[in-house]
């Protein structure tokens, strides 16, 4: 029995290792390709490791002021977007989870229905709106249009529905208002689910490409995906530099995941969506 259990654990470990390697292979290839010379990146036959490890690609791309600026602008915008997303969506989730008002059910159904509308279907309409509002070529056009998210509202609302009513009733008896209850009772208990929503919002902003390309033409506001796309178009032969830039662009996201990974897992368990 013990031998059978040991075999099963070993088999699971091997399977998990293989799956992990397959999942990480694209990232590993990009990182290693950043150390290759221009001719080696797409050389045939395929070589995973370079003949000679070149650090110059990474030092050169780090010496590019436009790359560093796009990284900084994107990182700052992603943090702002995540913060606003948490504020707006958590407040809306609290309203739909705890308050009673006319047409609440109809409004919630309408909010949920927006989850099933593809973003591309409303892209042109959204562009016309932000153009009329004079928001083109501003940081606001990157941050504000996507802050309210039906998916994030639904996720936080499910968490709030599981918080005991006794806590809220005790705060009401003590004379606390709704805003006080939200900020003093619900927000402190929401850290795990806030981490998930915050990371999701951050990733959505960081990886966005079509919307920034449509709305931003000012090089000072170029997002990192725009920078990499323009780099590929203008310096098509310098694939080693492009791979180095792509690898460096993934670092902030990886660092955030490593910092918050245990909270992400606990948040998924608490929300019952594992």
Protein backbone atom coordinates (compact mmCIF):
# COMPACT_ATOMS: atom_id res chain seq x y z
CA UNK A 1 0.00 0.00 0.00
CA UNK A 2 2.83 2.34 0.96
CA UNK A 3 4.73 1.42 -2.22
CA UNK A 4 1.63 2.15 -4.32
CA UNK A 5 1.20 5.56 -2.66
CA UNK A 6 4.87 6.37 -3.29
CA UNK A 7 4.52 5.42 -6.97
CA UNK A 8 1.43 7.61 -7.33
CA UNK A 9 3.19 10.59 -5.74
CA UNK A 10 6.21 10.09 -7.98
CA UNK A 11 4.01 9.89 -11.08
CA UNK A 12 2.15 13.06 -10.08
CA UNK A 13 5.45 14.83 -9.47
CA UNK A 14 6.72 13.85 -12.91
CA UNK A 15 3.46 14.95 -14.59
CA UNK A 16 3.50 18.27 -12.70
CA UNK A 17 7.11 18.81 -13.72
CA UNK A 18 6.35 18.14 -17.39
CA UNK A 19 3.32 20.44 -17.37
CA UNK A 20 5.36 23.17 -15.65
CA UNK A 21 8.13 22.91 -18.23
CA UNK A 22 5.61 23.06 -21.10
CA UNK A 23 3.97 26.14 -19.56
CA UNK A 24 7.29 27.87 -18.96
CA UNK A 25 8.89 26.91 -22.28
CA UNK A 26 7.81 30.07 -24.20
CA UNK A 27 9.09 32.34 -21.42
CA UNK A 28 12.34 30.39 -21.09
CA UNK A 29 12.89 30.56 -24.84
CA UNK A 30 12.36 34.33 -24.91
CA UNK A 31 14.78 34.85 -22.00
CA UNK A 32 17.47 32.65 -23.58
CA UNK A 33 16.90 34.11 -27.07
CA UNK A 34 17.77 37.47 -25.55
CA UNK A 35 21.31 36.15 -25.11
CA UNK A 36 21.62 35.08 -28.76
CA UNK A 37 23.14 36.90 -31.70
CA UNK A 38 20.85 38.14 -34.46
CA UNK A 39 21.51 35.16 -36.74
CA UNK A 40 20.94 32.56 -34.03
CA UNK A 41 17.40 33.53 -32.98
CA UNK A 42 15.72 32.02 -36.04
CA UNK A 43 18.60 29.80 -37.15
CA UNK A 44 17.92 26.32 -38.52
CA UNK A 45 18.30 23.72 -37.24
CA UNK A 46 16.76 25.01 -34.03
CA UNK A 47 19.13 25.50 -31.12
CA UNK A 48 17.63 26.19 -27.69
CA UNK A 49 20.87 27.45 -26.15
CA UNK A 50 23.17 29.95 -27.92
CA UNK A 51 26.68 29.03 -28.98
CA UNK A 52 27.90 32.15 -27.22
CA UNK A 53 26.00 33.93 -24.46
CA UNK A 54 25.70 37.64 -25.29
CA UNK A 55 24.73 40.03 -22.49
CA UNK A 56 24.92 43.01 -24.84
CA UNK A 57 21.27 42.64 -25.90
CA UNK A 58 20.06 43.20 -22.34
CA UNK A 59 22.46 46.04 -21.60
CA UNK A 60 21.62 47.76 -24.92
CA UNK A 61 17.85 47.58 -24.41
CA UNK A 62 18.25 48.84 -20.83
CA UNK A 63 20.23 51.76 -22.24
CA UNK A 64 17.31 52.72 -24.48
CA UNK A 65 15.55 55.66 -22.78
CA UNK A 66 12.34 55.03 -24.75
CA UNK A 67 12.16 51.45 -23.44
CA UNK A 68 12.60 52.51 -19.83
CA UNK A 69 10.05 55.31 -20.24
CA UNK A 70 7.45 52.98 -21.73
CA UNK A 71 8.07 50.49 -18.91
CA UNK A 72 7.66 53.23 -16.30
CA UNK A 73 4.55 54.74 -17.90
CA UNK A 74 2.94 51.32 -18.28
CA UNK A 75 3.79 50.25 -14.72
CA UNK A 76 2.44 53.48 -13.23
CA UNK A 77 -0.70 53.31 -15.37
CA UNK A 78 -1.26 49.66 -14.44
CA UNK A 79 -0.98 50.41 -10.71
CA UNK A 80 -3.39 53.36 -11.03
CA UNK A 81 -5.79 51.25 -13.08
CA UNK A 82 -5.69 48.43 -10.52
CA UNK A 83 -6.29 50.85 -7.62
CA UNK A 84 -9.26 52.53 -9.32
CA UNK A 85 -10.63 49.15 -10.34
CA UNK A 86 -10.58 47.97 -6.72
CA UNK A 87 -12.31 51.13 -5.47
CA UNK A 88 -15.04 51.24 -8.10
CA UNK A 89 -15.79 47.53 -8.36
CA UNK A 90 -15.70 46.84 -4.61
CA UNK A 91 -18.11 49.70 -3.89
CA UNK A 92 -20.46 48.53 -6.63
CA UNK A 93 -20.19 44.94 -5.37
CA UNK A 94 -21.09 46.04 -1.85
CA UNK A 95 -24.13 47.91 -3.12
CA UNK A 96 -25.40 44.90 -5.06
CA UNK A 97 -24.57 42.46 -2.24
CA UNK A 98 -25.92 44.31 0.79
CA UNK A 99 -28.28 47.13 -0.11
CA UNK A 100 -31.89 46.90 -1.21
CA UNK A 101 -33.30 49.35 -3.74
CA UNK A 102 -35.78 49.45 -6.59
CA UNK A 103 -34.83 47.67 -9.82
CA UNK A 104 -31.79 46.12 -8.12
CA UNK A 105 -32.35 42.72 -9.76
CA UNK A 106 -32.87 44.23 -13.21
CA UNK A 107 -29.76 46.39 -12.87
CA UNK A 108 -27.68 43.42 -11.73
CA UNK A 109 -28.86 41.35 -14.69
CA UNK A 110 -27.91 44.23 -16.98
CA UNK A 111 -24.44 44.39 -15.39
CA UNK A 112 -23.94 40.64 -15.77
CA UNK A 113 -25.06 40.76 -19.41
CA UNK A 114 -22.18 43.10 -20.21
CA UNK A 115 -19.81 40.24 -19.38
CA UNK A 116 -20.96 38.46 -22.53
CA UNK A 117 -20.31 41.37 -24.91
CA UNK A 118 -16.90 40.97 -26.63
CA UNK A 119 -14.62 43.92 -26.08
CA UNK A 120 -13.97 44.18 -29.81
CA UNK A 121 -17.71 44.67 -30.43
CA UNK A 122 -17.73 47.98 -28.55
CA UNK A 123 -14.19 49.09 -29.42
CA UNK A 124 -15.28 51.54 -32.13
CA UNK A 125 -18.11 52.97 -30.02
CA UNK A 126 -15.74 53.44 -27.10
CA UNK A 127 -13.25 55.20 -29.36
CA UNK A 128 -15.93 57.64 -30.59
CA UNK A 129 -16.93 58.41 -26.99
CA UNK A 130 -13.40 59.12 -25.75
CA UNK A 131 -12.73 61.16 -28.89
CA UNK A 132 -15.81 63.32 -28.23
CA UNK A 133 -14.66 63.77 -24.63
CA UNK A 134 -11.21 64.94 -25.78
CA UNK A 135 -9.43 62.11 -23.96
CA UNK A 136 -7.23 60.90 -26.83
CA UNK A 137 -3.49 60.95 -26.15
CA UNK A 138 -3.96 61.19 -22.39
CA UNK A 139 -3.35 58.71 -19.60
CA UNK A 140 -7.05 58.97 -18.75
CA UNK A 141 -8.03 57.25 -21.99
CA UNK A 142 -5.96 54.24 -20.97
CA UNK A 143 -7.20 54.06 -17.39
CA UNK A 144 -10.81 55.21 -17.11
CA UNK A 145 -12.77 53.33 -19.83
CA UNK A 146 -12.04 49.87 -18.42
CA UNK A 147 -12.17 50.55 -14.70
CA UNK A 148 -15.73 49.28 -14.12
CA UNK A 149 -15.74 45.54 -14.77
CA UNK A 150 -18.78 43.30 -14.46
CA UNK A 151 -16.53 40.29 -13.91
CA UNK A 152 -14.70 41.90 -11.01
CA UNK A 153 -17.98 43.16 -9.50
CA UNK A 154 -19.38 39.62 -9.67
CA UNK A 155 -16.24 38.16 -8.10
CA UNK A 156 -16.19 40.60 -5.17
CA UNK A 157 -19.97 40.41 -4.71
CA UNK A 158 -19.76 36.64 -4.30
CA UNK A 159 -17.18 37.19 -1.55
CA UNK A 160 -19.31 39.81 0.20
CA UNK A 161 -22.37 37.55 0.14
CA UNK A 162 -20.44 35.07 2.31
CA UNK A 163 -19.66 37.65 5.03
CA UNK A 164 -22.02 37.05 8.01
CA UNK A 165 -24.86 39.55 8.31
CA UNK A 166 -24.27 39.64 12.09
CA UNK A 167 -21.11 41.70 11.58
CA UNK A 168 -22.97 44.31 9.57
CA UNK A 169 -25.94 44.35 11.97
CA UNK A 170 -23.60 44.85 14.96
CA UNK A 171 -21.98 47.82 13.21
CA UNK A 172 -25.42 49.28 12.43
CA UNK A 173 -26.46 48.94 16.07
CA UNK A 174 -23.28 50.79 17.05
CA UNK A 175 -24.38 53.67 14.84
CA UNK A 176 -22.05 53.15 11.91
CA UNK A 177 -23.21 54.32 8.49
CA UNK A 178 -22.92 52.37 5.25
CA UNK A 179 -19.65 54.01 4.24
CA UNK A 180 -18.17 53.33 7.69
CA UNK A 181 -19.31 49.71 7.53
CA UNK A 182 -17.84 49.28 4.07
CA UNK A 183 -14.46 50.81 4.91
CA UNK A 184 -14.13 49.39 8.45
CA UNK A 185 -15.72 45.94 8.12
CA UNK A 186 -15.75 44.82 4.49
CA UNK A 187 -12.54 46.33 3.11
CA UNK A 188 -10.22 44.90 5.83
CA UNK A 189 -11.70 41.43 5.24
CA UNK A 190 -11.32 41.69 1.49
CA UNK A 191 -7.55 41.48 1.13
CA UNK A 192 -7.41 38.01 -0.54
CA UNK A 193 -10.10 38.83 -3.09
CA UNK A 194 -8.65 42.31 -3.62
CA UNK A 195 -5.31 40.71 -4.52
CA UNK A 196 -6.96 38.61 -7.23
CA UNK A 197 -8.94 41.51 -8.68
CA UNK A 198 -5.95 43.86 -8.41
CA UNK A 199 -3.60 41.42 -10.15
CA UNK A 200 -6.23 40.72 -12.82
CA UNK A 201 -6.73 44.44 -13.47
CA UNK A 202 -2.97 45.00 -13.55
CA UNK A 203 -2.44 42.20 -16.07
CA UNK A 204 -5.32 43.40 -18.24
CA UNK A 205 -3.79 46.86 -18.43
CA UNK A 206 -0.20 45.66 -18.86
CA UNK A 207 -1.03 43.29 -21.73
CA UNK A 208 -3.44 45.60 -23.58
CA UNK A 209 -2.30 46.47 -27.08
CA UNK A 210 -5.19 47.30 -29.43
CA UNK A 211 -6.75 50.02 -27.26
CA UNK A 212 -3.47 51.91 -26.60
CA UNK A 213 -2.59 51.63 -30.29
CA UNK A 214 -5.95 53.19 -31.23
CA UNK A 215 -5.88 56.02 -28.72
CA UNK A 216 -2.23 56.91 -28.09
CA UNK A 217 0.09 58.52 -30.65
CA UNK A 218 2.25 60.51 -28.23
CA UNK A 219 5.60 58.66 -27.81
CA UNK A 220 5.80 59.89 -24.22
CA UNK A 221 2.71 57.79 -23.40
CA UNK A 222 3.63 54.68 -25.37
CA UNK A 223 2.79 51.50 -23.48
CA UNK A 224 5.30 48.67 -23.35
CA UNK A 225 3.36 46.56 -25.88
CA UNK A 226 3.31 49.53 -28.27
CA UNK A 227 7.04 50.00 -27.80
CA UNK A 228 7.78 46.34 -28.57
CA UNK A 229 5.48 46.39 -31.61
CA UNK A 230 7.11 49.54 -33.00
CA UNK A 231 10.56 48.13 -32.23
CA UNK A 232 9.74 44.98 -34.22
CA UNK A 233 8.42 47.04 -37.14
CA UNK A 234 11.33 49.49 -37.25
CA UNK A 235 14.26 47.20 -36.30
CA UNK A 236 13.06 43.91 -37.71
CA UNK A 237 16.52 42.35 -37.94
CA UNK A 238 17.44 42.96 -34.30
CA UNK A 239 15.53 40.00 -32.92
CA UNK A 240 17.96 39.44 -30.07
CA UNK A 241 17.23 42.93 -28.72
CA UNK A 242 13.49 42.36 -29.19
CA UNK A 243 13.65 39.11 -27.22
CA UNK A 244 15.66 40.82 -24.46
CA UNK A 245 13.08 43.62 -24.28
CA UNK A 246 10.21 41.14 -24.19
CA UNK A 247 11.88 39.18 -21.38
CA UNK A 248 12.49 42.34 -19.33
CA UNK A 249 8.88 43.44 -19.90
CA UNK A 250 7.67 40.29 -18.14
CA UNK A 251 9.69 40.90 -14.97
CA UNK A 252 7.26 43.27 -13.13
CA UNK A 253 4.39 40.83 -13.62
CA UNK A 254 6.45 37.85 -12.45
CA UNK A 255 7.63 39.73 -9.37
CA UNK A 256 4.05 40.69 -8.46
CA UNK A 257 2.92 37.09 -8.83
CA UNK A 258 5.75 35.81 -6.63
CA UNK A 259 4.93 38.37 -3.95
CA UNK A 260 1.19 37.70 -3.89
CA UNK A 261 0.98 34.04 -4.94
CA UNK A 262 -0.18 32.73 -1.56
CA UNK A 263 -2.88 35.40 -1.36
CA UNK A 264 -4.04 34.55 -4.90
CA UNK A 265 -4.51 30.90 -3.97
CA UNK A 266 -6.25 31.71 -0.68
CA UNK A 267 -8.49 34.23 -2.44
CA UNK A 268 -9.61 31.65 -4.98
CA UNK A 269 -10.40 29.19 -2.18
CA UNK A 270 -12.34 31.77 -0.16
CA UNK A 271 -14.40 32.77 -3.19
CA UNK A 272 -15.28 29.14 -3.87
CA UNK A 273 -14.05 29.30 -7.47
CA UNK A 274 -11.24 26.76 -7.26
